[in-house]
Amino acid sequence: MKHPVDVHVGKRIRQRRWLIGMTQQQLADQVGIKFQQIQKYETGMNRVSASRLWDIAEAVGVSISFFFDGLGEGETSADKATADLMADKEALQLVRSYYAIPEAQRRRLFDLAKVLSHAA
């Protein structure tokens, strides 16, 4: 049976990997394991050891605490909505693309999106 902490950590690994545009194979190569093991971590089927989590954190450019953010706190509907959004590949691609735009253009795009969302 999957432990809720392992599931949460696995989701955070997947979320960060998608956000930076890294494949399971690329992550596995960086930490020296098979991509199937990354799949098992991401689904919570296998527990991630402390040393492996350290390696994964370095590979994806976050601190260890990133994987535990939101754990143990009462999950609000806003937290759940954010988690659902970040689990959506299309939303993550949009975020990645947004941050790839130069800052001045990004600000204008953001202002346009706000105007359009209020008009809808």
N, C-alpha and C. Protein backbone atom coordinates (compact mmCIF):
# COMPACT_ATOMS: atom_id res chain seq x y z
N MET A 1 0.84 -1.19 0.00
CA MET A 1 0.00 0.00 0.00
C MET A 1 0.89 1.25 0.00
N LYS A 2 0.49 2.22 -0.80
CA LYS A 2 1.26 3.45 -0.90
C LYS A 2 1.09 4.31 0.35
N HIS A 3 2.18 4.85 0.82
CA HIS A 3 2.12 5.77 1.95
C HIS A 3 1.86 7.18 1.41
N PRO A 4 0.99 7.96 2.03
CA PRO A 4 0.66 9.30 1.52
C PRO A 4 1.89 10.21 1.36
N VAL A 5 2.88 10.07 2.23
CA VAL A 5 4.09 10.90 2.10
C VAL A 5 4.85 10.52 0.83
N ASP A 6 4.95 9.23 0.54
CA ASP A 6 5.65 8.79 -0.67
C ASP A 6 4.93 9.28 -1.92
N VAL A 7 3.61 9.26 -1.89
CA VAL A 7 2.81 9.75 -3.02
C VAL A 7 3.05 11.26 -3.20
N HIS A 8 3.03 12.00 -2.10
CA HIS A 8 3.24 13.45 -2.17
C HIS A 8 4.62 13.78 -2.72
N VAL A 9 5.64 13.13 -2.19
CA VAL A 9 7.01 13.37 -2.66
C VAL A 9 7.12 13.02 -4.14
N GLY A 10 6.53 11.90 -4.54
CA GLY A 10 6.56 11.50 -5.95
C GLY A 10 5.90 12.52 -6.87
N LYS A 11 4.76 13.06 -6.42
CA LYS A 11 4.08 14.09 -7.22
C LYS A 11 4.95 15.33 -7.36
N ARG A 12 5.63 15.69 -6.28
CA ARG A 12 6.48 16.88 -6.32
C ARG A 12 7.69 16.65 -7.23
N ILE A 13 8.21 15.42 -7.27
CA ILE A 13 9.31 15.11 -8.18
C ILE A 13 8.83 15.28 -9.62
N ARG A 14 7.68 14.68 -9.94
CA ARG A 14 7.13 14.77 -11.29
C ARG A 14 6.85 16.23 -11.66
N GLN A 15 6.24 16.95 -10.74
CA GLN A 15 5.89 18.34 -10.98
C GLN A 15 7.12 19.17 -11.34
N ARG A 16 8.16 19.03 -10.56
CA ARG A 16 9.38 19.81 -10.81
C ARG A 16 10.04 19.37 -12.10
N ARG A 17 10.07 18.06 -12.36
CA ARG A 17 10.69 17.55 -13.58
C ARG A 17 9.97 18.11 -14.81
N TRP A 18 8.64 18.08 -14.79
CA TRP A 18 7.86 18.62 -15.90
C TRP A 18 8.10 20.12 -16.06
N LEU A 19 8.12 20.83 -14.95
CA LEU A 19 8.27 22.28 -14.98
C LEU A 19 9.57 22.70 -15.65
N ILE A 20 10.63 21.95 -15.42
CA ILE A 20 11.91 22.32 -16.03
C ILE A 20 12.13 21.63 -17.37
N GLY A 21 11.16 20.84 -17.82
CA GLY A 21 11.24 20.22 -19.14
C GLY A 21 12.20 19.04 -19.21
N MET A 22 12.30 18.30 -18.13
CA MET A 22 13.22 17.16 -18.06
C MET A 22 12.43 15.86 -18.20
N THR A 23 12.97 14.91 -18.95
CA THR A 23 12.31 13.62 -19.08
C THR A 23 12.71 12.71 -17.92
N GLN A 24 11.95 11.64 -17.75
CA GLN A 24 12.31 10.66 -16.73
C GLN A 24 13.69 10.08 -17.01
N GLN A 25 13.98 9.84 -18.28
CA GLN A 25 15.28 9.28 -18.65
C GLN A 25 16.41 10.24 -18.30
N GLN A 26 16.22 11.52 -18.57
CA GLN A 26 17.26 12.50 -18.25
C GLN A 26 17.51 12.57 -16.75
N LEU A 27 16.44 12.56 -15.97
CA LEU A 27 16.60 12.59 -14.52
C LEU A 27 17.29 11.33 -14.03
N ALA A 28 16.86 10.19 -14.55
CA ALA A 28 17.47 8.92 -14.16
C ALA A 28 18.96 8.91 -14.48
N ASP A 29 19.32 9.40 -15.65
CA ASP A 29 20.74 9.46 -16.04
C ASP A 29 21.54 10.33 -15.07
N GLN A 30 20.96 11.45 -14.67
CA GLN A 30 21.67 12.37 -13.78
C GLN A 30 21.88 11.79 -12.38
N VAL A 31 20.95 10.95 -11.93
CA VAL A 31 21.10 10.39 -10.59
C VAL A 31 21.63 8.96 -10.60
N GLY A 32 21.86 8.42 -11.79
CA GLY A 32 22.50 7.11 -11.91
C GLY A 32 21.60 5.92 -11.65
N ILE A 33 20.34 6.02 -12.09
CA ILE A 33 19.41 4.90 -11.93
C ILE A 33 18.65 4.71 -13.24
N LYS A 34 17.81 3.70 -13.31
CA LYS A 34 16.97 3.43 -14.49
C LYS A 34 15.72 4.31 -14.45
N PHE A 35 15.21 4.68 -15.63
CA PHE A 35 14.04 5.54 -15.67
C PHE A 35 12.83 4.87 -15.03
N GLN A 36 12.78 3.54 -15.05
CA GLN A 36 11.66 2.83 -14.43
C GLN A 36 11.60 3.13 -12.92
N GLN A 37 12.77 3.33 -12.32
CA GLN A 37 12.80 3.65 -10.89
C GLN A 37 12.21 5.04 -10.65
N ILE A 38 12.50 5.97 -11.56
CA ILE A 38 11.90 7.32 -11.47
C ILE A 38 10.38 7.19 -11.55
N GLN A 39 9.89 6.35 -12.46
CA GLN A 39 8.45 6.13 -12.58
C GLN A 39 7.87 5.64 -11.26
N LYS A 40 8.54 4.71 -10.62
CA LYS A 40 8.05 4.17 -9.36
C LYS A 40 8.08 5.22 -8.25
N TYR A 41 9.11 6.07 -8.24
CA TYR A 41 9.15 7.16 -7.26
C TYR A 41 7.99 8.11 -7.48
N GLU A 42 7.76 8.48 -8.76
CA GLU A 42 6.74 9.48 -9.07
C GLU A 42 5.33 9.01 -8.76
N THR A 43 5.09 7.73 -8.79
CA THR A 43 3.76 7.21 -8.47
C THR A 43 3.62 6.87 -7.00
N GLY A 44 4.71 6.92 -6.25
CA GLY A 44 4.68 6.59 -4.84
C GLY A 44 4.76 5.10 -4.58
N MET A 45 4.99 4.31 -5.63
CA MET A 45 5.11 2.86 -5.46
C MET A 45 6.37 2.51 -4.67
N ASN A 46 7.44 3.25 -4.91
CA ASN A 46 8.69 3.04 -4.18
C ASN A 46 9.02 4.28 -3.38
N ARG A 47 9.50 4.07 -2.18
CA ARG A 47 9.93 5.16 -1.30
C ARG A 47 11.31 5.63 -1.76
N VAL A 48 11.52 6.94 -1.74
CA VAL A 48 12.80 7.53 -2.12
C VAL A 48 13.67 7.65 -0.88
N SER A 49 14.87 7.09 -0.94
CA SER A 49 15.78 7.20 0.21
C SER A 49 16.27 8.65 0.34
N ALA A 50 16.78 8.98 1.50
CA ALA A 50 17.26 10.34 1.75
C ALA A 50 18.38 10.72 0.79
N SER A 51 19.32 9.82 0.57
CA SER A 51 20.45 10.14 -0.31
C SER A 51 19.99 10.28 -1.76
N ARG A 52 19.03 9.46 -2.18
CA ARG A 52 18.52 9.55 -3.55
C ARG A 52 17.72 10.85 -3.71
N LEU A 53 16.95 11.22 -2.69
CA LEU A 53 16.19 12.46 -2.75
C LEU A 53 17.13 13.65 -2.85
N TRP A 54 18.25 13.57 -2.15
CA TRP A 54 19.28 14.61 -2.22
C TRP A 54 19.78 14.74 -3.66
N ASP A 55 20.08 13.60 -4.30
CA ASP A 55 20.57 13.60 -5.68
C ASP A 55 19.52 14.16 -6.64
N ILE A 56 18.27 13.78 -6.43
CA ILE A 56 17.18 14.27 -7.28
C ILE A 56 17.02 15.78 -7.11
N ALA A 57 17.07 16.25 -5.87
CA ALA A 57 16.95 17.69 -5.61
C ALA A 57 18.04 18.46 -6.34
N GLU A 58 19.26 17.97 -6.29
CA GLU A 58 20.36 18.64 -7.00
C GLU A 58 20.13 18.61 -8.51
N ALA A 59 19.64 17.49 -9.03
CA ALA A 59 19.43 17.34 -10.47
C ALA A 59 18.34 18.29 -11.00
N VAL A 60 17.33 18.55 -10.17
CA VAL A 60 16.22 19.41 -10.63
C VAL A 60 16.31 20.83 -10.07
N GLY A 61 17.36 21.11 -9.31
CA GLY A 61 17.62 22.47 -8.86
C GLY A 61 16.72 23.01 -7.76
N VAL A 62 16.38 22.16 -6.80
CA VAL A 62 15.58 22.61 -5.66
C VAL A 62 16.20 22.11 -4.37
N SER A 63 15.72 22.64 -3.25
CA SER A 63 16.16 22.13 -1.96
C SER A 63 15.31 20.91 -1.61
N ILE A 64 15.79 20.12 -0.68
CA ILE A 64 15.06 18.93 -0.24
C ILE A 64 13.66 19.31 0.25
N SER A 65 13.55 20.45 0.91
CA SER A 65 12.26 20.85 1.48
C SER A 65 11.18 21.02 0.42
N PHE A 66 11.56 21.30 -0.82
CA PHE A 66 10.60 21.45 -1.91
C PHE A 66 9.66 20.26 -2.00
N PHE A 67 10.21 19.06 -1.82
CA PHE A 67 9.43 17.84 -1.97
C PHE A 67 8.41 17.64 -0.86
N PHE A 68 8.58 18.36 0.25
CA PHE A 68 7.68 18.22 1.38
C PHE A 68 6.75 19.42 1.55
N ASP A 69 6.91 20.43 0.71
CA ASP A 69 6.04 21.61 0.78
C ASP A 69 4.58 21.19 0.67
N GLY A 70 3.77 21.71 1.57
CA GLY A 70 2.33 21.43 1.55
C GLY A 70 1.94 20.16 2.27
N LEU A 71 2.91 19.41 2.72
CA LEU A 71 2.62 18.15 3.41
C LEU A 71 2.32 18.43 4.88
N GLY A 72 1.26 17.83 5.39
CA GLY A 72 0.92 17.99 6.79
C GLY A 72 0.13 19.23 7.10
N GLU A 73 0.01 20.12 6.13
CA GLU A 73 -0.83 21.30 6.32
C GLU A 73 -2.23 20.93 5.90
N GLY A 74 -3.20 21.53 6.52
CA GLY A 74 -4.57 21.28 6.09
C GLY A 74 -4.72 21.78 4.66
N GLU A 75 -5.02 20.86 3.76
CA GLU A 75 -5.11 21.24 2.35
C GLU A 75 -6.41 21.99 2.11
N THR A 76 -6.26 23.23 1.64
CA THR A 76 -7.44 24.04 1.33
C THR A 76 -7.87 23.75 -0.10
N SER A 77 -9.02 24.26 -0.47
CA SER A 77 -9.47 24.07 -1.85
C SER A 77 -8.54 24.78 -2.81
N ALA A 78 -7.94 25.91 -2.39
CA ALA A 78 -6.98 26.61 -3.25
C ALA A 78 -5.72 25.77 -3.45
N ASP A 79 -5.26 25.10 -2.38
CA ASP A 79 -4.09 24.22 -2.50
C ASP A 79 -4.39 23.08 -3.47
N LYS A 80 -5.57 22.50 -3.35
CA LYS A 80 -5.95 21.39 -4.22
C LYS A 80 -6.06 21.86 -5.66
N ALA A 81 -6.61 23.04 -5.88
CA ALA A 81 -6.73 23.58 -7.23
C ALA A 81 -5.35 23.81 -7.84
N THR A 82 -4.42 24.35 -7.04
CA THR A 82 -3.06 24.57 -7.52
C THR A 82 -2.39 23.24 -7.84
N ALA A 83 -2.56 22.26 -6.98
CA ALA A 83 -1.96 20.94 -7.22
C ALA A 83 -2.54 20.31 -8.48
N ASP A 84 -3.86 20.42 -8.67
CA ASP A 84 -4.48 19.88 -9.87
C ASP A 84 -3.96 20.58 -11.11
N LEU A 85 -3.82 21.89 -11.03
CA LEU A 85 -3.31 22.67 -12.16
C LEU A 85 -1.88 22.26 -12.50
N MET A 86 -1.06 22.10 -11.47
CA MET A 86 0.34 21.75 -11.70
C MET A 86 0.52 20.30 -12.14
N ALA A 87 -0.53 19.49 -12.01
CA ALA A 87 -0.48 18.12 -12.50
C ALA A 87 -0.86 18.05 -13.97
N ASP A 88 -1.36 19.15 -14.53
CA ASP A 88 -1.79 19.21 -15.92
C ASP A 88 -0.60 19.56 -16.81
N LYS A 89 -0.27 18.67 -17.73
CA LYS A 89 0.90 18.89 -18.60
C LYS A 89 0.76 20.18 -19.42
N GLU A 90 -0.43 20.45 -19.90
CA GLU A 90 -0.64 21.65 -20.71
C GLU A 90 -0.37 22.92 -19.89
N ALA A 91 -0.82 22.93 -18.65
CA ALA A 91 -0.59 24.08 -17.78
C ALA A 91 0.91 24.25 -17.52
N LEU A 92 1.61 23.16 -17.31
CA LEU A 92 3.04 23.25 -17.08
C LEU A 92 3.78 23.73 -18.33
N GLN A 93 3.33 23.29 -19.50
CA GLN A 93 3.94 23.77 -20.74
C GLN A 93 3.72 25.27 -20.90
N LEU A 94 2.53 25.72 -20.52
CA LEU A 94 2.22 27.15 -20.59
C LEU A 94 3.12 27.94 -19.65
N VAL A 95 3.30 27.46 -18.44
CA VAL A 95 4.16 28.14 -17.47
C VAL A 95 5.60 28.17 -17.97
N ARG A 96 6.08 27.04 -18.48
CA ARG A 96 7.44 26.97 -19.02
C ARG A 96 7.62 27.97 -20.16
N SER A 97 6.65 28.01 -21.06
CA SER A 97 6.72 28.92 -22.21
C SER A 97 6.68 30.37 -21.74
N TYR A 98 5.82 30.64 -20.77
CA TYR A 98 5.68 32.00 -20.24
C TYR A 98 7.03 32.51 -19.71
N TYR A 99 7.72 31.68 -18.93
CA TYR A 99 8.99 32.12 -18.35
C TYR A 99 10.14 32.12 -19.35
N ALA A 100 9.91 31.56 -20.52
CA ALA A 100 10.93 31.62 -21.57
C ALA A 100 10.88 32.95 -22.33
N ILE A 101 9.80 33.69 -22.16
CA ILE A 101 9.63 34.99 -22.83
C ILE A 101 10.44 36.04 -22.07
N PRO A 102 11.11 36.95 -22.79
CA PRO A 102 11.84 38.03 -22.11
C PRO A 102 10.91 38.82 -21.17
N GLU A 103 11.47 39.30 -20.07
CA GLU A 103 10.65 39.89 -19.00
C GLU A 103 9.74 41.02 -19.45
N ALA A 104 10.23 41.94 -20.26
CA ALA A 104 9.39 43.07 -20.68
C ALA A 104 8.18 42.57 -21.47
N GLN A 105 8.40 41.63 -22.36
CA GLN A 105 7.29 41.08 -23.15
C GLN A 105 6.37 40.25 -22.27
N ARG A 106 6.95 39.56 -21.29
CA ARG A 106 6.17 38.75 -20.38
C ARG A 106 5.20 39.62 -19.58
N ARG A 107 5.66 40.77 -19.13
CA ARG A 107 4.79 41.69 -18.38
C ARG A 107 3.61 42.14 -19.24
N ARG A 108 3.88 42.46 -20.50
CA ARG A 108 2.79 42.88 -21.39
C ARG A 108 1.81 41.73 -21.62
N LEU A 109 2.32 40.54 -21.78
CA LEU A 109 1.47 39.38 -21.97
C LEU A 109 0.62 39.13 -20.73
N PHE A 110 1.21 39.28 -19.57
CA PHE A 110 0.49 39.12 -18.31
C PHE A 110 -0.64 40.14 -18.20
N ASP A 111 -0.35 41.40 -18.53
CA ASP A 111 -1.38 42.45 -18.50
C ASP A 111 -2.51 42.13 -19.46
N LEU A 112 -2.16 41.63 -20.65
CA LEU A 112 -3.17 41.25 -21.64
C LEU A 112 -4.03 40.11 -21.10
N ALA A 113 -3.42 39.12 -20.49
CA ALA A 113 -4.17 37.99 -19.94
C ALA A 113 -5.13 38.45 -18.85
N LYS A 114 -4.71 39.39 -18.01
CA LYS A 114 -5.60 39.91 -16.96
C LYS A 114 -6.81 40.60 -17.58
N VAL A 115 -6.56 41.42 -18.60
CA VAL A 115 -7.67 42.13 -19.26
C VAL A 115 -8.63 41.13 -19.89
N LEU A 116 -8.09 40.13 -20.58
CA LEU A 116 -8.94 39.13 -21.24
C LEU A 116 -9.75 38.32 -20.22
N SER A 117 -9.13 37.98 -19.08
CA SER A 117 -9.83 37.17 -18.09
C SER A 117 -10.97 37.98 -17.44
N HIS A 118 -10.79 39.28 -17.30
CA HIS A 118 -11.84 40.10 -16.72
C HIS A 118 -12.97 40.34 -17.71
N ALA A 119 -12.65 40.29 -19.00
CA ALA A 119 -13.65 40.52 -20.03
C ALA A 119 -14.49 39.27 -20.27
N ALA A 120 -13.98 38.12 -19.88
CA ALA A 120 -14.68 36.86 -20.16
C ALA A 120 -15.88 36.64 -19.26
